[in-house]
Amino acid sequence: MIKLTQLAQLPLYNSVTIPEEYLDVMGHVNVRWYVAIFDDAAWDFFAAFGMDQAYYDGTNSGGFALRQYISYLAEVHAGERVVVRTRMLARSAKLIHFMHFMINETTGKLAATMEVLGAHANLEQRRLSPFPPEIAAQIDRMLAENSQLDWDAPVCGVIKVA
C-alpha cells in the first residue's frame, strides 16, 4: 500500500474542492467527474514537459489517450479537497505511460488512481508520431527523477509501452 508521504514526492497537477454538482444519486462524486479531474491534471502534466497550448498551436501536434485504467479506492464527497499527483512510468518514441494519484486531503486517503497510455500525434495526419527531441528530453528527465523513488507504482499490468 502506498503511503501519502510517498505520494507527496510527486508533483501536484490539479487541486479541486468538490462542489455539490459533482455528486451522483449515491451522494458521492460521480465517475465522470473523476475523469474530468484527472483530465485537467493531464493538461498541466503535459505542459510540464513542453506539450502546452503554444506547442500544439505551433507544431500542429498533440496527444492522444490510448488506454486508461481507473481504480476507485475511497469515496469522495462534496466540500472535500482532492489533489492529483502524477508519476511518469515509461516512454517509447511515440508513447508515454503515466499514473495519476487522486488524494483526498480532507480525509487523508488515496481516493483513486488512473493509469494512462498516451501518445504523441501529428494532428494533420491524425496519426501517432515520435516525440520531438526537446519533448523527449523533458520526459526522460521526469523518468530519471521518478526512477529515484523507493516505491513501485501500483500498475494494472496490462498497459505496456512497446
C-alpha atoms as a PDB file:
ATOM      1  CA  MET A   1       0.000   0.000   0.000  1.00  0.00           C
ATOM      2  CA  ILE A   2       1.321   3.419  -0.944  1.00  0.00           C
ATOM      3  CA  LYS A   3       1.738   5.943   1.834  1.00  0.00           C
ATOM      4  CA  LEU A   4       0.616   9.540   1.385  1.00  0.00           C
ATOM      5  CA  THR A   5       4.123  10.655   2.334  1.00  0.00           C
ATOM      6  CA  GLN A   6       5.405   8.744  -0.703  1.00  0.00           C
ATOM      7  CA  LEU A   7       2.830  10.377  -2.981  1.00  0.00           C
ATOM      8  CA  ALA A   8       3.855  13.796  -1.657  1.00  0.00           C
ATOM      9  CA  GLN A   9       7.154  13.261  -3.502  1.00  0.00           C
ATOM     10  CA  LEU A  10       5.291  13.613  -6.804  1.00  0.00           C
ATOM     11  CA  PRO A  11       4.423  16.927  -8.481  1.00  0.00           C
ATOM     12  CA  LEU A  12       0.905  18.247  -7.958  1.00  0.00           C
ATOM     13  CA  TYR A  13      -1.038  18.911 -11.182  1.00  0.00           C
ATOM     14  CA  ASN A  14      -4.587  19.614 -10.015  1.00  0.00           C
ATOM     15  CA  SER A  15      -6.445  20.673  -6.883  1.00  0.00           C
ATOM     16  CA  VAL A  16     -10.238  20.797  -6.518  1.00  0.00           C
ATOM     17  CA  THR A  17     -12.714  21.363  -3.714  1.00  0.00           C
ATOM     18  CA  ILE A  18     -15.653  19.167  -4.701  1.00  0.00           C
ATOM     19  CA  PRO A  19     -18.883  21.083  -5.396  1.00  0.00           C
ATOM     20  CA  GLU A  20     -22.345  19.607  -4.769  1.00  0.00           C
ATOM     21  CA  GLU A  21     -22.977  19.316  -8.509  1.00  0.00           C
ATOM     22  CA  TYR A  22     -20.266  16.633  -8.801  1.00  0.00           C
ATOM     23  CA  LEU A  23     -22.304  14.219  -6.682  1.00  0.00           C
ATOM     24  CA  ASP A  24     -24.454  11.417  -8.028  1.00  0.00           C
ATOM     25  CA  VAL A  25     -27.576   9.842  -6.508  1.00  0.00           C
ATOM     26  CA  MET A  26     -25.408   7.834  -4.084  1.00  0.00           C
ATOM     27  CA  GLY A  27     -24.127  11.075  -2.564  1.00  0.00           C
ATOM     28  CA  HIS A  28     -20.524  10.737  -3.700  1.00  0.00           C
ATOM     29  CA  VAL A  29     -18.553  12.036  -6.684  1.00  0.00           C
ATOM     30  CA  ASN A  30     -19.849  10.637  -9.960  1.00  0.00           C
ATOM     31  CA  VAL A  31     -17.356   8.745 -12.120  1.00  0.00           C
ATOM     32  CA  ARG A  32     -17.480  11.357 -14.884  1.00  0.00           C
ATOM     33  CA  TRP A  33     -16.001  13.935 -12.511  1.00  0.00           C
ATOM     34  CA  TYR A  34     -13.099  11.671 -11.601  1.00  0.00           C
ATOM     35  CA  VAL A  35     -12.260  11.555 -15.299  1.00  0.00           C
ATOM     36  CA  ALA A  36     -12.605  15.351 -15.577  1.00  0.00           C
ATOM     37  CA  ILE A  37     -10.361  15.961 -12.562  1.00  0.00           C
ATOM     38  CA  PHE A  38      -7.741  13.559 -13.928  1.00  0.00           C
ATOM     39  CA  ASP A  39      -8.041  15.138 -17.393  1.00  0.00           C
ATOM     40  CA  ASP A  40      -7.434  18.631 -16.013  1.00  0.00           C
ATOM     41  CA  ALA A  41      -4.318  17.289 -14.282  1.00  0.00           C
ATOM     42  CA  ALA A  42      -3.128  15.709 -17.539  1.00  0.00           C
ATOM     43  CA  TRP A  43      -3.076  19.073 -19.351  1.00  0.00           C
ATOM     44  CA  ASP A  44      -0.796  20.569 -16.683  1.00  0.00           C
ATOM     45  CA  PHE A  45       1.306  17.392 -16.641  1.00  0.00           C
ATOM     46  CA  PHE A  46       1.798  17.598 -20.428  1.00  0.00           C
ATOM     47  CA  ALA A  47       2.721  21.278 -20.154  1.00  0.00           C
ATOM     48  CA  ALA A  48       5.401  20.352 -17.601  1.00  0.00           C
ATOM     49  CA  PHE A  49       7.320  18.530 -20.340  1.00  0.00           C
ATOM     50  CA  GLY A  50       6.619  21.089 -23.060  1.00  0.00           C
ATOM     51  CA  MET A  51       3.329  19.972 -24.592  1.00  0.00           C
ATOM     52  CA  ASP A  52       1.300  23.105 -23.908  1.00  0.00           C
ATOM     53  CA  GLN A  53      -1.079  25.213 -25.989  1.00  0.00           C
ATOM     54  CA  ALA A  54       1.781  27.081 -27.683  1.00  0.00           C
ATOM     55  CA  TYR A  55       3.329  23.735 -28.646  1.00  0.00           C
ATOM     56  CA  TYR A  56       0.029  22.438 -30.047  1.00  0.00           C
ATOM     57  CA  ASP A  57      -0.612  25.637 -31.998  1.00  0.00           C
ATOM     58  CA  GLY A  58       2.947  25.969 -33.278  1.00  0.00           C
ATOM     59  CA  THR A  59       3.544  22.383 -34.361  1.00  0.00           C
ATOM     60  CA  ASN A  60       0.109  21.023 -35.244  1.00  0.00           C
ATOM     61  CA  SER A  61       0.951  18.184 -32.875  1.00  0.00           C
ATOM     62  CA  GLY A  62      -0.784  16.936 -29.799  1.00  0.00           C
ATOM     63  CA  GLY A  63      -1.547  13.941 -27.659  1.00  0.00           C
ATOM     64  CA  PHE A  64      -3.972  11.049 -27.853  1.00  0.00           C
ATOM     65  CA  ALA A  65      -5.163   8.941 -24.937  1.00  0.00           C
ATOM     66  CA  LEU A  66      -4.976   5.293 -25.978  1.00  0.00           C
ATOM     67  CA  ARG A  67      -5.793   3.423 -22.796  1.00  0.00           C
ATOM     68  CA  GLN A  68      -6.891   4.345 -19.279  1.00  0.00           C
ATOM     69  CA  TYR A  69      -7.355   2.190 -16.223  1.00  0.00           C
ATOM     70  CA  ILE A  70      -9.095   3.759 -13.207  1.00  0.00           C
ATOM     71  CA  SER A  71      -9.227   2.325  -9.710  1.00  0.00           C
ATOM     72  CA  TYR A  72     -11.755   3.866  -7.329  1.00  0.00           C
ATOM     73  CA  LEU A  73     -10.404   3.360  -3.810  1.00  0.00           C
ATOM     74  CA  ALA A  74     -12.358   5.622  -1.434  1.00  0.00           C
ATOM     75  CA  GLU A  75     -15.467   7.748  -1.741  1.00  0.00           C
ATOM     76  CA  VAL A  76     -15.186  11.496  -2.202  1.00  0.00           C
ATOM     77  CA  HIS A  77     -17.948  13.870  -1.036  1.00  0.00           C
ATOM     78  CA  ALA A  78     -18.943  17.498  -1.524  1.00  0.00           C
ATOM     79  CA  GLY A  79     -16.756  20.012   0.263  1.00  0.00           C
ATOM     80  CA  GLU A  80     -13.730  17.709   0.335  1.00  0.00           C
ATOM     81  CA  ARG A  81     -10.489  18.811  -1.271  1.00  0.00           C
ATOM     82  CA  VAL A  82      -8.703  16.466  -3.668  1.00  0.00           C
ATOM     83  CA  VAL A  83      -5.334  16.855  -5.361  1.00  0.00           C
ATOM     84  CA  VAL A  84      -3.811  14.933  -8.245  1.00  0.00           C
ATOM     85  CA  ARG A  85      -0.146  13.990  -8.294  1.00  0.00           C
ATOM     86  CA  THR A  86       1.414  12.281 -11.287  1.00  0.00           C
ATOM     87  CA  ARG A  87       4.260   9.866 -11.921  1.00  0.00           C
ATOM     88  CA  MET A  88       5.885   9.191 -15.297  1.00  0.00           C
ATOM     89  CA  LEU A  89       6.429   5.441 -15.673  1.00  0.00           C
ATOM     90  CA  ALA A  90       7.873   4.797 -19.151  1.00  0.00           C
ATOM     91  CA  ARG A  91       8.150   6.050 -22.696  1.00  0.00           C
ATOM     92  CA  SER A  92       8.959   4.929 -26.208  1.00  0.00           C
ATOM     93  CA  ALA A  93       9.482   7.051 -29.301  1.00  0.00           C
ATOM     94  CA  LYS A  94       5.728   7.736 -29.580  1.00  0.00           C
ATOM     95  CA  LEU A  95       4.147   6.595 -26.285  1.00  0.00           C
ATOM     96  CA  ILE A  96       4.126   7.569 -22.620  1.00  0.00           C
ATOM     97  CA  HIS A  97       2.915   5.563 -19.650  1.00  0.00           C
ATOM     98  CA  PHE A  98       1.997   7.547 -16.547  1.00  0.00           C
ATOM     99  CA  MET A  99      -0.140   7.334 -13.451  1.00  0.00           C
ATOM    100  CA  HIS A 100      -2.295   9.904 -11.680  1.00  0.00           C
ATOM    101  CA  PHE A 101      -2.968   9.604  -7.949  1.00  0.00           C
ATOM    102  CA  MET A 102      -6.046  11.405  -6.563  1.00  0.00           C
ATOM    103  CA  ILE A 103      -5.587  12.129  -2.889  1.00  0.00           C
ATOM    104  CA  ASN A 104      -8.439  13.287  -0.691  1.00  0.00           C
ATOM    105  CA  GLU A 105      -6.678  15.828   1.500  1.00  0.00           C
ATOM    106  CA  THR A 106      -9.748  16.185   3.717  1.00  0.00           C
ATOM    107  CA  THR A 107      -9.809  12.513   4.729  1.00  0.00           C
ATOM    108  CA  GLY A 108      -6.136  11.724   4.184  1.00  0.00           C
ATOM    109  CA  LYS A 109      -6.927   8.822   1.858  1.00  0.00           C
ATOM    110  CA  LEU A 110      -5.911   7.835  -1.639  1.00  0.00           C
ATOM    111  CA  ALA A 111      -9.246   8.192  -3.441  1.00  0.00           C
ATOM    112  CA  ALA A 112      -8.427   6.901  -6.931  1.00  0.00           C
ATOM    113  CA  THR A 113      -5.715   6.202  -9.448  1.00  0.00           C
ATOM    114  CA  MET A 114      -5.699   6.480 -13.211  1.00  0.00           C
ATOM    115  CA  GLU A 115      -3.047   4.694 -15.220  1.00  0.00           C
ATOM    116  CA  VAL A 116      -2.696   6.034 -18.765  1.00  0.00           C
ATOM    117  CA  LEU A 117      -1.083   5.096 -22.041  1.00  0.00           C
ATOM    118  CA  GLY A 118      -0.816   8.265 -24.102  1.00  0.00           C
ATOM    119  CA  ALA A 119       0.737   9.052 -27.447  1.00  0.00           C
ATOM    120  CA  HIS A 120       2.250  11.924 -29.357  1.00  0.00           C
ATOM    121  CA  ALA A 121       0.326  12.646 -32.549  1.00  0.00           C
ATOM    122  CA  ASN A 122       0.643  14.552 -35.805  1.00  0.00           C
ATOM    123  CA  LEU A 123      -2.705  16.349 -35.946  1.00  0.00           C
ATOM    124  CA  GLU A 124      -2.571  16.917 -39.717  1.00  0.00           C
ATOM    125  CA  GLN A 125      -2.327  13.201 -40.407  1.00  0.00           C
ATOM    126  CA  ARG A 126      -4.222  12.170 -37.244  1.00  0.00           C
ATOM    127  CA  ARG A 127      -1.529   9.536 -36.711  1.00  0.00           C
ATOM    128  CA  LEU A 128       0.932   8.757 -33.969  1.00  0.00           C
ATOM    129  CA  SER A 129       4.324  10.407 -34.378  1.00  0.00           C
ATOM    130  CA  PRO A 130       7.595  10.469 -32.417  1.00  0.00           C
ATOM    131  CA  PHE A 131       8.082  12.973 -29.632  1.00  0.00           C
ATOM    132  CA  PRO A 132      10.437  15.707 -30.844  1.00  0.00           C
ATOM    133  CA  PRO A 133      13.878  15.635 -29.165  1.00  0.00           C
ATOM    134  CA  GLU A 134      13.191  18.571 -26.823  1.00  0.00           C
ATOM    135  CA  ILE A 135       9.974  16.976 -25.525  1.00  0.00           C
ATOM    136  CA  ALA A 136      11.581  13.525 -25.274  1.00  0.00           C
ATOM    137  CA  ALA A 137      14.420  15.030 -23.224  1.00  0.00           C
ATOM    138  CA  GLN A 138      11.954  16.532 -20.734  1.00  0.00           C
ATOM    139  CA  ILE A 139      10.083  13.227 -20.445  1.00  0.00           C
ATOM    140  CA  ASP A 140      13.398  11.455 -19.879  1.00  0.00           C
ATOM    141  CA  ARG A 141      14.221  13.971 -17.127  1.00  0.00           C
ATOM    142  CA  MET A 142      10.904  13.141 -15.423  1.00  0.00           C
ATOM    143  CA  LEU A 143      11.574   9.415 -15.815  1.00  0.00           C
ATOM    144  CA  ALA A 144      15.013   9.808 -14.261  1.00  0.00           C
ATOM    145  CA  GLU A 145      13.551  11.702 -11.284  1.00  0.00           C
ATOM    146  CA  ASN A 146      10.763   9.155 -10.814  1.00  0.00           C
ATOM    147  CA  SER A 147      13.177   6.221 -11.044  1.00  0.00           C
ATOM    148  CA  GLN A 148      14.776   7.542  -7.839  1.00  0.00           C
ATOM    149  CA  LEU A 149      11.579   6.896  -5.866  1.00  0.00           C
ATOM    150  CA  ASP A 150      11.799   3.965  -3.470  1.00  0.00           C
ATOM    151  CA  TRP A 151       8.327   2.602  -4.203  1.00  0.00           C
ATOM    152  CA  ASP A 152       6.655   0.910  -7.136  1.00  0.00           C
ATOM    153  CA  ALA A 153       3.560   2.365  -8.765  1.00  0.00           C
ATOM    154  CA  PRO A 154       0.545   0.048  -8.392  1.00  0.00           C
ATOM    155  CA  VAL A 155       0.129  -0.570 -12.112  1.00  0.00           C
ATOM    156  CA  CYS A 156      -2.622  -2.750 -13.539  1.00  0.00           C
ATOM    157  CA  GLY A 157      -0.212  -4.905 -15.528  1.00  0.00           C
ATOM    158  CA  VAL A 158      -1.902  -4.555 -18.914  1.00  0.00           C
ATOM    159  CA  ILE A 159      -0.575  -1.204 -20.048  1.00  0.00           C
ATOM    160  CA  LYS A 160       2.818  -1.554 -21.687  1.00  0.00           C
ATOM    161  CA  VAL A 161       4.994   0.793 -23.705  1.00  0.00           C
ATOM    162  CA  ALA A 162       6.360  -1.089 -26.689  1.00  0.00           C
END
